[in-house]
């Protein structure tokens, strides 16, 4: 299976990246360090910016491109497309173990300047495999201002065999000086048919459930996959979609808000229980600390830094879980609005049709619009670090008022 098969409904992007990977290989074979000369000069560049709606596959596209740049398939000698998915180069990149591919994902809420300076220094070195040194940053919008300025230096003065792959929700989330030096690729929301077909072919999901999961995912491929194969994810979504029916009084509003926040915290705690324990154990092993013995010199500071990162990751996990729930609510009220306007198009929450009909018949479209605004306001409040319970309680009360 080719690495490009992971990109659902992104034919134009695949075509551009495949052409760039072929041009990059031609440059390596010709002994050049930068973009190939002649007619292929415009196909490959040292910095790429992947943007698009949530779940469209920015990170998948960047990772697939990194694999194609490191592809060592023998079929390439016969004119094959880089990115076979089976060779050692592709396999190690996709597994995250390739020596010349650095995958950057912050567990916290931002990427600091210290980390970025280390990456820029790493980018100045020549790739060990003689092909390309690739640095993939999957949250370029989380760079602090100082970190973004440090990255700018690396992008402005690229090493001959270094490629920067930056992922962000939109081009506006990246410094103008960085995006002006990067090749922009905008991924689009894949169709529900394409997502459903992927679930059937690759995950073995039955066509009916695959179609419902694809609609509920609202263009987010990974979200659709979780809903199709994870019973707990389906249960959490169903729990969220009961909220519009439970906000008939203040008590129901507060209870729904508390349950939503508690669910997000439980998800974060479940992740921390396994991941935090493993990280702490690995750190103790690295310092040679025996169980019950005194901590070796220097370990206390390392443990403190680790705990700080873990706490930040837990906060981010809770926010992401809440954000997913809010997106489900937005989809619900959008379907309600569609019914109120007599739309005959497909609904994202077709499996919730009785609840949609009930809410749609209970009030005018103006109330639905105000409820949509309340959900959006809650998301903005969470982005401003408002206490999650207060933000969600304010939203559920606004949902009741309509």
Protein backbone atom coordinates (compact mmCIF):
# COMPACT_ATOMS: atom_id res chain seq x y z
CA UNK A 1 0.00 0.00 0.00
CA UNK A 2 1.41 3.37 -1.06
CA UNK A 3 1.94 6.09 1.55
CA UNK A 4 -0.40 8.26 -0.52
CA UNK A 5 -3.31 5.91 0.19
CA UNK A 6 -3.57 7.47 3.67
CA UNK A 7 -4.70 10.76 2.12
CA UNK A 8 -8.47 10.60 1.62
CA UNK A 9 -9.99 12.82 -1.06
CA UNK A 10 -6.80 14.85 -1.63
CA UNK A 11 -5.92 13.95 -5.22
CA UNK A 12 -4.58 17.39 -6.09
CA UNK A 13 -2.28 17.47 -3.07
CA UNK A 14 -1.02 13.94 -3.78
CA UNK A 15 -0.21 14.95 -7.35
CA UNK A 16 1.82 17.97 -6.22
CA UNK A 17 3.71 16.10 -3.52
CA UNK A 18 4.46 13.13 -5.78
CA UNK A 19 5.91 15.45 -8.41
CA UNK A 20 8.01 17.22 -5.75
CA UNK A 21 9.31 13.87 -4.42
CA UNK A 22 10.35 12.83 -7.92
CA UNK A 23 12.12 16.16 -8.43
CA UNK A 24 13.84 15.80 -5.04
CA UNK A 25 15.12 12.34 -5.99
CA UNK A 26 16.41 13.70 -9.31
CA UNK A 27 18.31 16.39 -7.40
CA UNK A 28 19.94 13.81 -5.12
CA UNK A 29 20.94 11.60 -8.07
CA UNK A 30 22.39 14.59 -9.90
CA UNK A 31 24.51 15.42 -6.86
CA UNK A 32 22.84 18.75 -6.18
CA UNK A 33 21.96 19.83 -2.65
CA UNK A 34 19.01 22.12 -3.28
CA UNK A 35 16.00 22.20 -5.56
CA UNK A 36 16.63 20.70 -9.01
CA UNK A 37 17.52 23.03 -11.81
CA UNK A 38 15.86 23.38 -15.17
CA UNK A 39 12.21 22.54 -15.74
CA UNK A 40 11.81 20.86 -12.34
CA UNK A 41 13.06 23.81 -10.28
CA UNK A 42 9.56 24.82 -9.19
CA UNK A 43 8.49 21.35 -8.03
CA UNK A 44 10.66 21.01 -4.92
CA UNK A 45 11.39 23.57 -2.22
CA UNK A 46 12.93 23.62 1.26
CA UNK A 47 9.80 24.60 3.25
CA UNK A 48 6.18 23.48 2.98
CA UNK A 49 3.11 24.70 4.85
CA UNK A 50 0.17 22.27 5.10
CA UNK A 51 -3.16 23.81 6.10
CA UNK A 52 -6.78 22.71 6.11
CA UNK A 53 -9.82 22.04 8.29
CA UNK A 54 -9.52 19.71 11.30
CA UNK A 55 -9.13 16.09 10.28
CA UNK A 56 -8.46 16.82 6.61
CA UNK A 57 -5.04 15.19 6.91
CA UNK A 58 -2.36 17.90 7.11
CA UNK A 59 -0.12 15.77 9.31
CA UNK A 60 -0.79 12.66 7.23
CA UNK A 61 0.15 14.54 4.07
CA UNK A 62 3.37 15.85 5.62
CA UNK A 63 4.33 12.42 6.97
CA UNK A 64 3.59 10.78 3.61
CA UNK A 65 5.75 13.37 1.85
CA UNK A 66 8.58 12.74 4.33
CA UNK A 67 8.34 9.01 3.57
CA UNK A 68 8.39 9.66 -0.17
CA UNK A 69 11.55 11.78 0.20
CA UNK A 70 13.27 8.86 1.98
CA UNK A 71 11.83 6.12 -0.26
CA UNK A 72 14.36 3.51 -1.44
CA UNK A 73 12.07 1.29 -3.51
CA UNK A 74 13.82 -0.52 -6.39
CA UNK A 75 10.83 0.39 -8.56
CA UNK A 76 12.11 3.96 -8.62
CA UNK A 77 14.78 2.87 -11.10
CA UNK A 78 11.93 1.85 -13.43
CA UNK A 79 10.09 5.15 -13.11
CA UNK A 80 7.97 4.31 -10.06
CA UNK A 81 6.48 7.00 -7.81
CA UNK A 82 8.34 7.65 -4.54
CA UNK A 83 6.37 6.56 -1.49
CA UNK A 84 5.90 2.82 -2.03
CA UNK A 85 5.04 2.21 1.63
CA UNK A 86 7.04 -1.05 1.83
CA UNK A 87 10.72 -0.15 1.63
CA UNK A 88 12.92 0.48 4.65
CA UNK A 89 12.84 4.25 4.09
CA UNK A 90 9.03 4.48 3.98
CA UNK A 91 8.55 2.01 6.83
CA UNK A 92 10.91 3.75 9.26
CA UNK A 93 9.45 7.19 8.53
CA UNK A 94 5.89 5.99 9.11
CA UNK A 95 7.01 4.20 12.28
CA UNK A 96 8.73 7.35 13.54
CA UNK A 97 12.19 5.80 13.73
CA UNK A 98 13.98 7.22 10.67
CA UNK A 99 17.27 8.87 11.66
CA UNK A 100 16.83 11.77 9.24
CA UNK A 101 13.20 12.63 10.03
CA UNK A 102 12.46 14.64 13.17
CA UNK A 103 8.78 14.61 14.16
CA UNK A 104 7.85 17.50 16.46
CA UNK A 105 4.61 17.41 18.45
CA UNK A 106 4.22 19.35 21.66
CA UNK A 107 2.46 17.77 24.62
CA UNK A 108 1.78 21.22 26.01
CA UNK A 109 -0.02 24.29 24.78
CA UNK A 110 2.95 25.87 22.99
CA UNK A 111 6.39 25.18 21.47
CA UNK A 112 9.10 27.21 23.16
CA UNK A 113 12.10 29.02 21.72
CA UNK A 114 14.60 26.60 23.28
CA UNK A 115 13.14 23.61 21.44
CA UNK A 116 13.06 25.53 18.17
CA UNK A 117 16.69 26.64 18.45
CA UNK A 118 17.68 23.01 18.93
CA UNK A 119 15.75 22.11 15.76
CA UNK A 120 17.37 24.88 13.73
CA UNK A 121 20.79 23.65 14.89
CA UNK A 122 19.84 20.08 13.92
CA UNK A 123 18.69 21.31 10.51
CA UNK A 124 22.18 22.59 9.75
CA UNK A 125 23.62 19.06 9.79
CA UNK A 126 23.89 16.84 6.74
CA UNK A 127 21.49 13.86 6.57
CA UNK A 128 23.07 10.60 7.70
CA UNK A 129 21.49 8.65 4.87
CA UNK A 130 22.63 11.03 2.17
CA UNK A 131 19.09 11.96 1.09
CA UNK A 132 17.12 14.59 2.99
CA UNK A 133 16.94 15.81 6.56
CA UNK A 134 13.24 16.38 7.25
CA UNK A 135 11.77 18.30 10.19
CA UNK A 136 8.01 17.93 10.56
CA UNK A 137 6.23 20.29 12.97
CA UNK A 138 2.62 19.21 13.35
CA UNK A 139 1.49 22.27 15.34
CA UNK A 140 3.25 25.28 13.84
CA UNK A 141 0.42 27.50 15.12
CA UNK A 142 1.52 26.67 18.69
CA UNK A 143 4.92 28.33 18.28
CA UNK A 144 5.54 31.18 20.67
CA UNK A 145 6.59 34.46 19.08
CA UNK A 146 10.22 33.87 20.02
CA UNK A 147 10.06 30.28 18.72
CA UNK A 148 8.56 31.45 15.43
CA UNK A 149 11.37 33.97 15.00
CA UNK A 150 13.92 31.22 15.66
CA UNK A 151 12.24 29.04 13.04
CA UNK A 152 12.36 31.93 10.58
CA UNK A 153 16.15 31.86 10.72
CA UNK A 154 16.16 28.18 9.74
CA UNK A 155 13.70 28.76 6.90
CA UNK A 156 15.51 31.88 5.65
CA UNK A 157 18.91 30.17 5.55
CA UNK A 158 18.08 26.54 4.68
CA UNK A 159 20.72 23.87 4.57
CA UNK A 160 21.11 22.24 1.16
CA UNK A 161 19.45 18.94 2.09
CA UNK A 162 16.97 20.11 4.76
CA UNK A 163 13.20 20.22 4.27
CA UNK A 164 10.81 21.87 6.73
CA UNK A 165 7.24 20.56 6.84
CA UNK A 166 4.91 22.81 8.85
CA UNK A 167 1.28 21.96 9.69
CA UNK A 168 -1.27 24.54 10.87
CA UNK A 169 -5.06 25.01 10.74
CA UNK A 170 -4.81 28.03 8.42
CA UNK A 171 -2.22 30.22 6.74
CA UNK A 172 -3.14 33.08 9.09
CA UNK A 173 -1.88 31.02 12.06
CA UNK A 174 1.72 31.30 10.84
CA UNK A 175 3.98 34.37 10.76
CA UNK A 176 3.75 36.17 7.39
CA UNK A 177 7.56 36.01 7.06
CA UNK A 178 7.46 32.21 7.42
CA UNK A 179 4.53 31.55 5.13
CA UNK A 180 6.01 33.81 2.44
CA UNK A 181 9.04 31.50 2.34
CA UNK A 182 7.02 28.27 2.29
CA UNK A 183 5.10 26.40 -0.40
CA UNK A 184 1.44 26.44 0.64
CA UNK A 185 -0.75 23.35 0.30
CA UNK A 186 -4.40 23.67 1.32
CA UNK A 187 -6.19 20.41 2.00
CA UNK A 188 -9.96 20.29 1.58
CA UNK A 189 -12.59 18.50 3.60
CA UNK A 190 -12.97 15.00 2.11
CA UNK A 191 -16.43 13.88 1.05
CA UNK A 192 -18.35 11.48 3.26
CA UNK A 193 -18.36 8.98 0.39
CA UNK A 194 -14.56 8.98 0.23
CA UNK A 195 -14.26 8.57 4.00
CA UNK A 196 -16.84 5.76 4.08
CA UNK A 197 -15.05 3.96 1.26
CA UNK A 198 -11.78 4.19 3.19
CA UNK A 199 -13.40 2.75 6.32
CA UNK A 200 -14.79 -0.19 4.34
CA UNK A 201 -11.56 -0.93 2.45
CA UNK A 202 -8.95 -0.39 5.16
CA UNK A 203 -10.77 -0.99 8.43
CA UNK A 204 -13.24 -3.65 7.39
CA UNK A 205 -16.27 -1.66 8.58
CA UNK A 206 -19.68 -2.64 7.17
CA UNK A 207 -20.98 -0.13 4.58
CA UNK A 208 -23.96 1.04 6.71
CA UNK A 209 -22.00 1.88 9.89
CA UNK A 210 -19.16 3.27 7.75
CA UNK A 211 -21.56 5.70 6.07
CA UNK A 212 -23.01 6.89 9.39
CA UNK A 213 -19.52 7.28 10.91
CA UNK A 214 -18.32 9.24 7.89
CA UNK A 215 -21.27 11.62 8.17
CA UNK A 216 -20.82 12.02 11.93
CA UNK A 217 -17.10 12.67 11.49
CA UNK A 218 -17.97 15.80 9.46
CA UNK A 219 -14.90 15.49 7.26
CA UNK A 220 -12.49 14.51 10.05
CA UNK A 221 -11.03 11.21 8.86
CA UNK A 222 -9.56 10.11 12.20
CA UNK A 223 -12.73 11.09 14.05
CA UNK A 224 -14.79 9.01 11.60
CA UNK A 225 -12.47 6.03 12.10
CA UNK A 226 -12.78 6.23 15.89
CA UNK A 227 -16.56 6.39 15.68
CA UNK A 228 -16.59 3.40 13.35
CA UNK A 229 -14.34 1.11 15.39
CA UNK A 230 -14.47 2.40 18.98
CA UNK A 231 -17.64 1.70 20.92
CA UNK A 232 -16.61 4.06 23.73
CA UNK A 233 -16.20 6.93 21.25
CA UNK A 234 -19.71 6.29 19.95
CA UNK A 235 -21.06 6.23 23.51
CA UNK A 236 -19.38 9.56 24.35
CA UNK A 237 -20.82 11.16 21.22
CA UNK A 238 -24.31 9.87 22.01
CA UNK A 239 -23.95 11.28 25.52
CA UNK A 240 -23.02 14.71 24.15
CA UNK A 241 -25.90 14.72 21.69
CA UNK A 242 -28.36 14.19 24.53
CA UNK A 243 -27.52 17.63 25.91
CA UNK A 244 -29.99 19.56 23.66
CA UNK A 245 -32.78 17.45 25.17
CA UNK A 246 -31.58 17.85 28.77
CA UNK A 247 -31.42 21.64 29.12
CA UNK A 248 -35.10 22.17 29.87
CA UNK A 249 -34.30 23.62 33.31
CA UNK A 250 -31.34 25.10 35.17
CA UNK A 251 -30.68 21.85 37.03
CA UNK A 252 -30.42 19.97 33.75
CA UNK A 253 -28.08 22.63 32.34
CA UNK A 254 -25.68 22.41 35.27
CA UNK A 255 -25.79 18.60 35.36
CA UNK A 256 -25.05 18.38 31.62
CA UNK A 257 -22.14 20.82 31.95
CA UNK A 258 -20.67 18.90 34.89
CA UNK A 259 -20.94 15.59 33.04
CA UNK A 260 -19.25 17.02 29.95
CA UNK A 261 -16.33 18.41 31.95
CA UNK A 262 -16.02 15.23 34.03
CA UNK A 263 -15.85 13.12 30.85
CA UNK A 264 -13.03 15.27 29.47
CA UNK A 265 -11.13 14.97 32.75
CA UNK A 266 -11.65 11.19 32.83
CA UNK A 267 -10.22 10.87 29.31
CA UNK A 268 -7.17 12.92 30.28
CA UNK A 269 -6.69 10.92 33.48
CA UNK A 270 -6.96 7.62 31.59
CA UNK A 271 -4.22 8.74 29.23
CA UNK A 272 -2.06 9.99 32.08
CA UNK A 273 -2.42 6.78 34.07
CA UNK A 274 -0.57 4.76 31.46
CA UNK A 275 1.58 7.32 29.63
CA UNK A 276 2.79 9.25 32.69
CA UNK A 277 3.73 6.08 34.55
CA UNK A 278 5.74 4.79 31.58
CA UNK A 279 7.56 8.11 31.14
CA UNK A 280 8.42 8.29 34.83
CA UNK A 281 9.67 4.71 34.80
CA UNK A 282 11.79 5.34 31.71
CA UNK A 283 13.28 8.44 33.35
CA UNK A 284 14.18 6.55 36.52
CA UNK A 285 15.76 3.79 34.43
CA UNK A 286 17.78 6.35 32.47
CA UNK A 287 19.21 7.70 35.74
CA UNK A 288 19.76 4.20 37.12
CA UNK A 289 17.48 4.81 40.10
CA UNK A 290 16.53 1.65 41.97
CA UNK A 291 13.08 1.31 43.50
CA UNK A 292 13.03 2.73 47.03
CA UNK A 293 16.56 4.11 46.81
CA UNK A 294 17.69 7.71 46.99
CA UNK A 295 17.34 9.63 43.73
CA UNK A 296 20.64 10.10 41.87
CA UNK A 297 22.03 13.61 41.43
CA UNK A 298 20.22 15.61 38.80
CA UNK A 299 17.18 13.36 38.71
CA UNK A 300 14.98 15.60 40.88
CA UNK A 301 15.15 18.44 38.35
CA UNK A 302 14.43 16.10 35.46
CA UNK A 303 11.40 14.66 37.28
CA UNK A 304 10.12 18.17 37.97
CA UNK A 305 10.41 19.10 34.28
CA UNK A 306 8.66 15.87 33.30
CA UNK A 307 5.79 16.49 35.71
CA UNK A 308 5.38 19.99 34.31
CA UNK A 309 5.11 18.62 30.76
CA UNK A 310 2.68 15.95 31.89
CA UNK A 311 0.44 18.50 33.59
CA UNK A 312 0.44 20.65 30.47
CA UNK A 313 -0.41 17.60 28.34
CA UNK A 314 -3.33 16.75 30.62
CA UNK A 315 -4.68 20.27 30.21
CA UNK A 316 -4.37 20.02 26.45
CA UNK A 317 -6.09 16.62 26.41
CA UNK A 318 -9.04 17.96 28.38
CA UNK A 319 -9.36 20.89 26.00
CA UNK A 320 -9.21 18.64 22.95
CA UNK A 321 -11.88 16.34 24.37
CA UNK A 322 -14.13 19.28 25.16
CA UNK A 323 -13.52 20.76 21.73
CA UNK A 324 -14.54 17.48 20.07
CA UNK A 325 -17.76 17.48 22.11
CA UNK A 326 -18.47 21.08 21.12
CA UNK A 327 -17.95 20.24 17.45
CA UNK A 328 -20.49 17.43 17.82
CA UNK A 329 -22.95 19.93 19.32
CA UNK A 330 -22.33 22.37 16.47
CA UNK A 331 -23.06 19.61 13.98
CA UNK A 332 -26.29 18.76 15.81
CA UNK A 333 -27.59 22.33 15.75
CA UNK A 334 -26.50 22.78 12.14
CA UNK A 335 -28.65 19.78 11.25
CA UNK A 336 -31.52 21.30 13.25
CA UNK A 337 -31.14 24.52 11.28
CA UNK A 338 -31.15 22.58 8.01
CA UNK A 339 -34.43 20.88 8.96
CA UNK A 340 -35.99 24.19 9.98
CA UNK A 341 -35.14 25.67 6.57
CA UNK A 342 -36.50 22.61 4.77
CA UNK A 343 -33.16 21.40 3.43
CA UNK A 344 -33.22 18.03 1.68
CA UNK A 345 -29.48 17.46 1.95
CA UNK A 346 -27.82 14.79 4.04
CA UNK A 347 -27.53 15.35 7.76
CA UNK A 348 -24.32 14.75 9.70
CA UNK A 349 -26.31 13.18 12.53
CA UNK A 350 -28.78 11.11 10.58
CA UNK A 351 -28.72 8.47 13.34
CA UNK A 352 -30.14 11.11 15.71
CA UNK A 353 -33.11 11.96 13.49
CA UNK A 354 -35.84 11.74 16.21
CA UNK A 355 -33.92 14.13 18.48
CA UNK A 356 -33.25 16.49 15.57
CA UNK A 357 -36.92 16.59 14.62
CA UNK A 358 -37.92 17.21 18.23
CA UNK A 359 -35.56 20.15 18.69
CA UNK A 360 -36.33 21.57 15.23
CA UNK A 361 -40.06 21.66 15.99
CA UNK A 362 -39.61 23.22 19.43
CA UNK A 363 -38.63 26.72 18.32
CA UNK A 364 -37.74 29.07 15.44
CA UNK A 365 -34.54 29.10 13.42
CA UNK A 366 -33.46 32.28 15.23
CA UNK A 367 -33.19 30.29 18.47
CA UNK A 368 -31.06 27.68 16.75
CA UNK A 369 -28.70 30.36 15.47
CA UNK A 370 -28.34 31.76 18.98
CA UNK A 371 -27.55 28.27 20.27
CA UNK A 372 -24.88 27.86 17.61
CA UNK A 373 -23.41 31.19 18.71
CA UNK A 374 -23.41 29.95 22.32
CA UNK A 375 -21.37 26.88 21.39
CA UNK A 376 -18.90 29.02 19.42
CA UNK A 377 -18.62 31.41 22.36
CA UNK A 378 -17.78 28.48 24.63
CA UNK A 379 -14.96 27.41 22.31
CA UNK A 380 -13.58 30.95 22.32
CA UNK A 381 -13.77 31.08 26.12
CA UNK A 382 -11.81 27.85 26.41
CA UNK A 383 -9.17 29.29 24.09
CA UNK A 384 -8.87 32.24 26.49
CA UNK A 385 -8.22 29.85 29.41
CA UNK A 386 -11.60 30.40 31.06
CA UNK A 387 -12.34 27.71 33.65
CA UNK A 388 -13.87 24.82 31.63
CA UNK A 389 -16.80 24.24 33.99
CA UNK A 390 -17.76 27.93 34.01
CA UNK A 391 -17.52 28.14 30.22
CA UNK A 392 -19.60 25.01 29.65
CA UNK A 393 -22.20 26.00 32.26
CA UNK A 394 -22.61 29.37 30.55
CA UNK A 395 -23.11 27.54 27.25
CA UNK A 396 -25.73 25.08 28.52
CA UNK A 397 -27.71 27.90 30.16
CA UNK A 398 -27.60 29.77 26.83
CA UNK A 399 -28.79 26.62 25.04
CA UNK A 400 -31.81 26.52 27.35
CA UNK A 401 -32.63 30.18 26.69
CA UNK A 402 -32.43 29.76 22.93
